[in-house]
């Protein structure tokens, strides 16, 4: 049996996400652009069974049927747009109004509260975005053969890549902690001379930026499907 090939780090490219660019900046490292095509990079994340399912979805033959919406009813496009906007707004608000990031504190020595809160935001994203993605797939599967194939393709990719995505995203908090310790150490070494404390508000803002970038990344598949639905609706008018 062919073995799944994996990578253990984020890679950068000319079309890399904001999340990757932010993490690269925070790590203060330079990551070379990948010379591989998108298909070649994707193949590193898929095993032979994933490839068969992906091929079936692309060809529209024997592809798995996308899951139905939780209530068994496919919502109209306008309702999906409203649901998407509501989910995104709620998650953005939970990040930007989090007291841990906005309330001044004299204790900037312990990273553990920030780790717990970052993981809590990640869980909230997964809980809200997962059902929304299912709803959008269900709506696409009922629109047209081409949109149904797109929904099936997204279902295959979601199933095949979700574990790998969670693994990669689990590296975000250790990277943020490393950055935290580096800035704290630098501050303590210079505090006697400068009494500067600007690093702490800046660091908290960086954490917020990373969370918001992760949110955008998680929403990208849904945005792509909704955009395809909009193009199909416009073409049929």
C-alpha atoms as a PDB file:
ATOM      1  CA  UNK A   1       0.000   0.000   0.000  1.00  0.00           C
ATOM      2  CA  UNK A   2       1.248   3.443  -0.858  1.00  0.00           C
ATOM      3  CA  UNK A   3       2.219   5.458   2.169  1.00  0.00           C
ATOM      4  CA  UNK A   4       0.924   8.941   2.822  1.00  0.00           C
ATOM      5  CA  UNK A   5       3.727  11.484   2.591  1.00  0.00           C
ATOM      6  CA  UNK A   6       3.617  14.323   5.081  1.00  0.00           C
ATOM      7  CA  UNK A   7       5.286  17.581   5.960  1.00  0.00           C
ATOM      8  CA  UNK A   8       5.597  19.049   9.402  1.00  0.00           C
ATOM      9  CA  UNK A   9       5.866  22.741   8.609  1.00  0.00           C
ATOM     10  CA  UNK A  10       3.964  25.497   6.884  1.00  0.00           C
ATOM     11  CA  UNK A  11       5.165  26.270   3.364  1.00  0.00           C
ATOM     12  CA  UNK A  12       5.064  29.583   1.588  1.00  0.00           C
ATOM     13  CA  UNK A  13       4.245  30.497  -2.020  1.00  0.00           C
ATOM     14  CA  UNK A  14       3.329  33.552  -4.036  1.00  0.00           C
ATOM     15  CA  UNK A  15      -0.325  32.822  -3.258  1.00  0.00           C
ATOM     16  CA  UNK A  16       0.155  31.806   0.379  1.00  0.00           C
ATOM     17  CA  UNK A  17      -2.460  32.816   2.908  1.00  0.00           C
ATOM     18  CA  UNK A  18      -2.212  35.738   5.270  1.00  0.00           C
ATOM     19  CA  UNK A  19      -1.909  33.219   8.093  1.00  0.00           C
ATOM     20  CA  UNK A  20       1.256  31.697   6.626  1.00  0.00           C
ATOM     21  CA  UNK A  21       2.787  35.125   6.038  1.00  0.00           C
ATOM     22  CA  UNK A  22       2.024  36.230   9.606  1.00  0.00           C
ATOM     23  CA  UNK A  23       3.483  33.067  11.104  1.00  0.00           C
ATOM     24  CA  UNK A  24       6.571  33.445   8.957  1.00  0.00           C
ATOM     25  CA  UNK A  25       6.985  37.026  10.189  1.00  0.00           C
ATOM     26  CA  UNK A  26       6.507  36.054  13.835  1.00  0.00           C
ATOM     27  CA  UNK A  27       8.991  33.209  13.509  1.00  0.00           C
ATOM     28  CA  UNK A  28      11.501  35.642  11.986  1.00  0.00           C
ATOM     29  CA  UNK A  29      12.399  33.064   9.373  1.00  0.00           C
ATOM     30  CA  UNK A  30      12.614  33.085   5.616  1.00  0.00           C
ATOM     31  CA  UNK A  31      10.789  30.229   3.900  1.00  0.00           C
ATOM     32  CA  UNK A  32      11.648  29.642   0.263  1.00  0.00           C
ATOM     33  CA  UNK A  33       8.855  29.567  -2.272  1.00  0.00           C
ATOM     34  CA  UNK A  34       7.803  26.073  -3.257  1.00  0.00           C
ATOM     35  CA  UNK A  35       8.884  24.986  -6.736  1.00  0.00           C
ATOM     36  CA  UNK A  36       6.110  22.405  -6.892  1.00  0.00           C
ATOM     37  CA  UNK A  37       2.749  22.920  -8.538  1.00  0.00           C
ATOM     38  CA  UNK A  38      -0.447  22.935  -6.487  1.00  0.00           C
ATOM     39  CA  UNK A  39      -1.251  19.386  -7.648  1.00  0.00           C
ATOM     40  CA  UNK A  40       2.197  18.149  -6.625  1.00  0.00           C
ATOM     41  CA  UNK A  41       1.904  19.726  -3.167  1.00  0.00           C
ATOM     42  CA  UNK A  42      -1.609  18.349  -2.720  1.00  0.00           C
ATOM     43  CA  UNK A  43      -0.446  14.840  -3.611  1.00  0.00           C
ATOM     44  CA  UNK A  44       1.834  14.889  -0.545  1.00  0.00           C
ATOM     45  CA  UNK A  45      -1.247  15.115   1.660  1.00  0.00           C
ATOM     46  CA  UNK A  46      -3.323  12.393  -0.048  1.00  0.00           C
ATOM     47  CA  UNK A  47      -3.054   8.621  -0.011  1.00  0.00           C
ATOM     48  CA  UNK A  48      -4.274   6.290  -2.753  1.00  0.00           C
ATOM     49  CA  UNK A  49      -7.833   6.005  -1.376  1.00  0.00           C
ATOM     50  CA  UNK A  50      -8.130   9.805  -1.180  1.00  0.00           C
ATOM     51  CA  UNK A  51      -6.901  10.050  -4.780  1.00  0.00           C
ATOM     52  CA  UNK A  52      -9.587   7.602  -5.957  1.00  0.00           C
ATOM     53  CA  UNK A  53     -12.341   9.571  -4.208  1.00  0.00           C
ATOM     54  CA  UNK A  54     -10.962  12.832  -5.571  1.00  0.00           C
ATOM     55  CA  UNK A  55     -10.877  11.469  -9.113  1.00  0.00           C
ATOM     56  CA  UNK A  56     -14.468  10.255  -8.777  1.00  0.00           C
ATOM     57  CA  UNK A  57     -15.615  13.665  -7.559  1.00  0.00           C
ATOM     58  CA  UNK A  58     -13.824  15.451 -10.394  1.00  0.00           C
ATOM     59  CA  UNK A  59     -15.340  13.117 -12.982  1.00  0.00           C
ATOM     60  CA  UNK A  60     -18.791  13.196 -11.428  1.00  0.00           C
ATOM     61  CA  UNK A  61     -18.941   9.404 -11.367  1.00  0.00           C
ATOM     62  CA  UNK A  62     -19.372   7.506  -8.155  1.00  0.00           C
ATOM     63  CA  UNK A  63     -18.501  10.553  -6.069  1.00  0.00           C
ATOM     64  CA  UNK A  64     -19.792  10.514  -2.498  1.00  0.00           C
ATOM     65  CA  UNK A  65     -23.030  12.380  -1.979  1.00  0.00           C
ATOM     66  CA  UNK A  66     -22.468  15.544   0.066  1.00  0.00           C
ATOM     67  CA  UNK A  67     -24.107  15.407   3.496  1.00  0.00           C
ATOM     68  CA  UNK A  68     -27.510  17.040   3.761  1.00  0.00           C
ATOM     69  CA  UNK A  69     -28.145  20.090   5.873  1.00  0.00           C
ATOM     70  CA  UNK A  70     -28.898  19.257   9.536  1.00  0.00           C
ATOM     71  CA  UNK A  71     -32.635  19.964   9.141  1.00  0.00           C
ATOM     72  CA  UNK A  72     -32.859  18.117   5.809  1.00  0.00           C
ATOM     73  CA  UNK A  73     -33.732  21.310   3.932  1.00  0.00           C
ATOM     74  CA  UNK A  74     -31.392  23.106   1.572  1.00  0.00           C
ATOM     75  CA  UNK A  75     -31.528  26.839   2.370  1.00  0.00           C
ATOM     76  CA  UNK A  76     -31.720  29.458  -0.417  1.00  0.00           C
ATOM     77  CA  UNK A  77     -28.611  31.361  -1.474  1.00  0.00           C
ATOM     78  CA  UNK A  78     -29.716  34.525   0.327  1.00  0.00           C
ATOM     79  CA  UNK A  79     -30.139  32.631   3.595  1.00  0.00           C
ATOM     80  CA  UNK A  80     -26.705  31.063   3.171  1.00  0.00           C
ATOM     81  CA  UNK A  81     -25.151  34.484   2.598  1.00  0.00           C
ATOM     82  CA  UNK A  82     -26.808  35.774   5.744  1.00  0.00           C
ATOM     83  CA  UNK A  83     -25.699  32.726   7.713  1.00  0.00           C
ATOM     84  CA  UNK A  84     -22.130  33.108   6.452  1.00  0.00           C
ATOM     85  CA  UNK A  85     -22.068  36.808   7.378  1.00  0.00           C
ATOM     86  CA  UNK A  86     -23.518  36.066  10.818  1.00  0.00           C
ATOM     87  CA  UNK A  87     -21.053  33.273  11.601  1.00  0.00           C
ATOM     88  CA  UNK A  88     -18.097  35.340  10.447  1.00  0.00           C
ATOM     89  CA  UNK A  89     -19.243  38.444  12.349  1.00  0.00           C
ATOM     90  CA  UNK A  90     -19.798  36.453  15.555  1.00  0.00           C
ATOM     91  CA  UNK A  91     -16.361  34.853  15.378  1.00  0.00           C
ATOM     92  CA  UNK A  92     -14.626  38.137  14.537  1.00  0.00           C
ATOM     93  CA  UNK A  93     -16.388  39.826  17.448  1.00  0.00           C
ATOM     94  CA  UNK A  94     -15.382  37.067  19.864  1.00  0.00           C
ATOM     95  CA  UNK A  95     -11.745  37.599  18.867  1.00  0.00           C
ATOM     96  CA  UNK A  96     -11.643  41.387  18.754  1.00  0.00           C
ATOM     97  CA  UNK A  97     -13.539  41.871  22.035  1.00  0.00           C
ATOM     98  CA  UNK A  98     -11.754  39.159  24.016  1.00  0.00           C
ATOM     99  CA  UNK A  99     -10.759  40.703  27.362  1.00  0.00           C
ATOM    100  CA  UNK A 100      -7.527  38.744  27.344  1.00  0.00           C
ATOM    101  CA  UNK A 101      -6.400  40.797  24.352  1.00  0.00           C
ATOM    102  CA  UNK A 102      -8.020  44.138  25.160  1.00  0.00           C
ATOM    103  CA  UNK A 103      -7.847  44.659  28.945  1.00  0.00           C
ATOM    104  CA  UNK A 104      -4.622  46.110  30.288  1.00  0.00           C
ATOM    105  CA  UNK A 105      -2.678  43.836  32.599  1.00  0.00           C
ATOM    106  CA  UNK A 106       0.427  44.145  34.726  1.00  0.00           C
ATOM    107  CA  UNK A 107       1.199  40.430  34.464  1.00  0.00           C
ATOM    108  CA  UNK A 108       2.727  39.587  31.115  1.00  0.00           C
ATOM    109  CA  UNK A 109       4.923  36.774  32.375  1.00  0.00           C
ATOM    110  CA  UNK A 110       2.727  33.713  31.801  1.00  0.00           C
ATOM    111  CA  UNK A 111       1.691  32.450  28.364  1.00  0.00           C
ATOM    112  CA  UNK A 112      -0.670  29.689  29.567  1.00  0.00           C
ATOM    113  CA  UNK A 113      -3.853  31.866  29.666  1.00  0.00           C
ATOM    114  CA  UNK A 114      -3.185  32.899  26.090  1.00  0.00           C
ATOM    115  CA  UNK A 115      -2.652  29.314  24.995  1.00  0.00           C
ATOM    116  CA  UNK A 116      -5.967  28.277  26.566  1.00  0.00           C
ATOM    117  CA  UNK A 117      -7.828  31.163  24.982  1.00  0.00           C
ATOM    118  CA  UNK A 118      -6.315  30.624  21.533  1.00  0.00           C
ATOM    119  CA  UNK A 119      -7.348  26.959  21.649  1.00  0.00           C
ATOM    120  CA  UNK A 120     -10.838  28.011  22.769  1.00  0.00           C
ATOM    121  CA  UNK A 121     -11.157  30.289  19.749  1.00  0.00           C
ATOM    122  CA  UNK A 122      -9.989  27.458  17.479  1.00  0.00           C
ATOM    123  CA  UNK A 123     -12.689  25.190  18.908  1.00  0.00           C
ATOM    124  CA  UNK A 124     -15.315  27.885  18.425  1.00  0.00           C
ATOM    125  CA  UNK A 125     -14.292  28.265  14.781  1.00  0.00           C
ATOM    126  CA  UNK A 126     -14.550  24.529  14.160  1.00  0.00           C
ATOM    127  CA  UNK A 127     -17.960  24.301  15.857  1.00  0.00           C
ATOM    128  CA  UNK A 128     -19.469  27.175  13.860  1.00  0.00           C
ATOM    129  CA  UNK A 129     -17.783  26.730  10.479  1.00  0.00           C
ATOM    130  CA  UNK A 130     -18.236  22.954  10.160  1.00  0.00           C
ATOM    131  CA  UNK A 131     -22.066  22.993  10.054  1.00  0.00           C
ATOM    132  CA  UNK A 132     -22.035  26.038   7.778  1.00  0.00           C
ATOM    133  CA  UNK A 133     -19.804  24.209   5.296  1.00  0.00           C
ATOM    134  CA  UNK A 134     -22.215  21.249   5.335  1.00  0.00           C
ATOM    135  CA  UNK A 135     -25.160  23.577   4.651  1.00  0.00           C
ATOM    136  CA  UNK A 136     -23.410  25.173   1.689  1.00  0.00           C
ATOM    137  CA  UNK A 137     -22.494  21.779   0.218  1.00  0.00           C
ATOM    138  CA  UNK A 138     -26.093  20.627   0.597  1.00  0.00           C
ATOM    139  CA  UNK A 139     -27.322  23.703  -1.255  1.00  0.00           C
ATOM    140  CA  UNK A 140     -24.803  23.258  -4.077  1.00  0.00           C
ATOM    141  CA  UNK A 141     -25.698  19.591  -4.550  1.00  0.00           C
ATOM    142  CA  UNK A 142     -29.258  20.595  -5.493  1.00  0.00           C
ATOM    143  CA  UNK A 143     -28.431  23.434  -7.909  1.00  0.00           C
ATOM    144  CA  UNK A 144     -26.819  21.917 -10.985  1.00  0.00           C
ATOM    145  CA  UNK A 145     -24.618  18.979 -12.042  1.00  0.00           C
ATOM    146  CA  UNK A 146     -21.507  21.165 -12.022  1.00  0.00           C
ATOM    147  CA  UNK A 147     -22.228  22.575  -8.561  1.00  0.00           C
ATOM    148  CA  UNK A 148     -23.059  19.096  -7.307  1.00  0.00           C
ATOM    149  CA  UNK A 149     -19.611  17.938  -8.457  1.00  0.00           C
ATOM    150  CA  UNK A 150     -18.060  20.898  -6.660  1.00  0.00           C
ATOM    151  CA  UNK A 151     -19.918  19.963  -3.462  1.00  0.00           C
ATOM    152  CA  UNK A 152     -18.725  16.367  -3.773  1.00  0.00           C
ATOM    153  CA  UNK A 153     -15.172  17.577  -4.378  1.00  0.00           C
ATOM    154  CA  UNK A 154     -15.282  19.751  -1.268  1.00  0.00           C
ATOM    155  CA  UNK A 155     -16.613  16.838   0.766  1.00  0.00           C
ATOM    156  CA  UNK A 156     -13.717  14.646  -0.372  1.00  0.00           C
ATOM    157  CA  UNK A 157     -11.104  17.319   0.341  1.00  0.00           C
ATOM    158  CA  UNK A 158     -12.658  18.145   3.708  1.00  0.00           C
ATOM    159  CA  UNK A 159     -12.514  14.490   4.729  1.00  0.00           C
ATOM    160  CA  UNK A 160      -9.022  13.905   3.338  1.00  0.00           C
ATOM    161  CA  UNK A 161      -7.345  17.062   4.619  1.00  0.00           C
ATOM    162  CA  UNK A 162      -9.115  17.820   7.895  1.00  0.00           C
ATOM    163  CA  UNK A 163      -6.784  15.733  10.043  1.00  0.00           C
ATOM    164  CA  UNK A 164      -3.715  17.205   8.365  1.00  0.00           C
ATOM    165  CA  UNK A 165      -5.098  20.721   8.758  1.00  0.00           C
ATOM    166  CA  UNK A 166      -5.716  20.202  12.485  1.00  0.00           C
ATOM    167  CA  UNK A 167      -2.178  18.900  12.857  1.00  0.00           C
ATOM    168  CA  UNK A 168      -0.685  21.954  11.164  1.00  0.00           C
ATOM    169  CA  UNK A 169      -2.861  24.380  13.103  1.00  0.00           C
ATOM    170  CA  UNK A 170      -1.770  22.733  16.345  1.00  0.00           C
ATOM    171  CA  UNK A 171       1.689  24.216  15.667  1.00  0.00           C
ATOM    172  CA  UNK A 172       0.374  27.790  15.868  1.00  0.00           C
ATOM    173  CA  UNK A 173       0.269  28.067  19.668  1.00  0.00           C
ATOM    174  CA  UNK A 174       3.821  26.704  20.192  1.00  0.00           C
ATOM    175  CA  UNK A 175       5.059  29.232  17.656  1.00  0.00           C
ATOM    176  CA  UNK A 176       3.208  32.044  19.412  1.00  0.00           C
ATOM    177  CA  UNK A 177       4.609  30.877  22.754  1.00  0.00           C
ATOM    178  CA  UNK A 178       8.123  30.898  21.360  1.00  0.00           C
ATOM    179  CA  UNK A 179       7.585  34.455  20.153  1.00  0.00           C
ATOM    180  CA  UNK A 180       6.147  35.398  23.564  1.00  0.00           C
ATOM    181  CA  UNK A 181       9.184  34.065  25.437  1.00  0.00           C
ATOM    182  CA  UNK A 182      11.601  35.756  23.063  1.00  0.00           C
ATOM    183  CA  UNK A 183       9.963  39.171  23.483  1.00  0.00           C
ATOM    184  CA  UNK A 184       9.625  38.745  27.249  1.00  0.00           C
ATOM    185  CA  UNK A 185      13.294  37.859  27.562  1.00  0.00           C
ATOM    186  CA  UNK A 186      14.326  40.828  25.442  1.00  0.00           C
ATOM    187  CA  UNK A 187      12.139  43.095  27.537  1.00  0.00           C
ATOM    188  CA  UNK A 188      13.567  41.849  30.837  1.00  0.00           C
ATOM    189  CA  UNK A 189      17.110  42.304  29.569  1.00  0.00           C
ATOM    190  CA  UNK A 190      16.524  45.944  28.641  1.00  0.00           C
ATOM    191  CA  UNK A 191      13.915  46.911  31.254  1.00  0.00           C
ATOM    192  CA  UNK A 192      16.425  48.389  33.702  1.00  0.00           C
ATOM    193  CA  UNK A 193      17.680  50.772  31.046  1.00  0.00           C
ATOM    194  CA  UNK A 194      14.572  51.739  29.086  1.00  0.00           C
ATOM    195  CA  UNK A 195      11.507  50.766  31.153  1.00  0.00           C
ATOM    196  CA  UNK A 196       9.819  50.042  27.806  1.00  0.00           C
ATOM    197  CA  UNK A 197       6.630  47.958  27.845  1.00  0.00           C
ATOM    198  CA  UNK A 198       5.456  48.467  24.254  1.00  0.00           C
ATOM    199  CA  UNK A 199       6.155  44.856  23.334  1.00  0.00           C
ATOM    200  CA  UNK A 200       3.170  43.514  25.244  1.00  0.00           C
ATOM    201  CA  UNK A 201       0.297  45.390  23.509  1.00  0.00           C
ATOM    202  CA  UNK A 202       2.021  44.704  20.201  1.00  0.00           C
ATOM    203  CA  UNK A 203       2.242  40.996  20.967  1.00  0.00           C
ATOM    204  CA  UNK A 204      -1.422  40.765  21.920  1.00  0.00           C
ATOM    205  CA  UNK A 205      -2.336  42.518  18.688  1.00  0.00           C
ATOM    206  CA  UNK A 206      -0.197  40.019  16.789  1.00  0.00           C
ATOM    207  CA  UNK A 207      -2.123  37.157  18.400  1.00  0.00           C
ATOM    208  CA  UNK A 208      -5.388  38.720  17.316  1.00  0.00           C
ATOM    209  CA  UNK A 209      -4.094  39.114  13.770  1.00  0.00           C
ATOM    210  CA  UNK A 210      -3.115  35.441  13.666  1.00  0.00           C
ATOM    211  CA  UNK A 211      -6.543  34.367  14.938  1.00  0.00           C
ATOM    212  CA  UNK A 212      -8.312  36.522  12.359  1.00  0.00           C
ATOM    213  CA  UNK A 213      -6.069  35.163   9.613  1.00  0.00           C
ATOM    214  CA  UNK A 214      -6.828  31.606  10.714  1.00  0.00           C
ATOM    215  CA  UNK A 215     -10.531  32.427  10.623  1.00  0.00           C
ATOM    216  CA  UNK A 216     -10.230  33.704   7.049  1.00  0.00           C
ATOM    217  CA  UNK A 217      -8.339  30.554   6.057  1.00  0.00           C
ATOM    218  CA  UNK A 218     -11.011  28.294   7.536  1.00  0.00           C
ATOM    219  CA  UNK A 219     -13.742  30.213   5.693  1.00  0.00           C
ATOM    220  CA  UNK A 220     -12.040  30.119   2.289  1.00  0.00           C
ATOM    221  CA  UNK A 221     -13.587  26.826   1.079  1.00  0.00           C
ATOM    222  CA  UNK A 222     -17.065  28.117   1.935  1.00  0.00           C
ATOM    223  CA  UNK A 223     -16.421  31.442   0.222  1.00  0.00           C
ATOM    224  CA  UNK A 224     -15.269  29.597  -2.893  1.00  0.00           C
ATOM    225  CA  UNK A 225     -18.416  27.470  -3.024  1.00  0.00           C
ATOM    226  CA  UNK A 226     -20.683  30.454  -2.458  1.00  0.00           C
ATOM    227  CA  UNK A 227     -18.891  32.402  -5.179  1.00  0.00           C
ATOM    228  CA  UNK A 228     -19.401  29.485  -7.565  1.00  0.00           C
ATOM    229  CA  UNK A 229     -23.096  29.422  -6.638  1.00  0.00           C
ATOM    230  CA  UNK A 230     -23.360  33.134  -7.358  1.00  0.00           C
ATOM    231  CA  UNK A 231     -21.709  32.745 -10.775  1.00  0.00           C
ATOM    232  CA  UNK A 232     -24.072  29.888 -11.638  1.00  0.00           C
ATOM    233  CA  UNK A 233     -27.114  31.931 -10.612  1.00  0.00           C
ATOM    234  CA  UNK A 234     -25.941  34.899 -12.705  1.00  0.00           C
ATOM    235  CA  UNK A 235     -25.285  32.656 -15.728  1.00  0.00           C
ATOM    236  CA  UNK A 236     -28.763  31.169 -15.573  1.00  0.00           C
ATOM    237  CA  UNK A 237     -30.505  34.546 -15.396  1.00  0.00           C
END
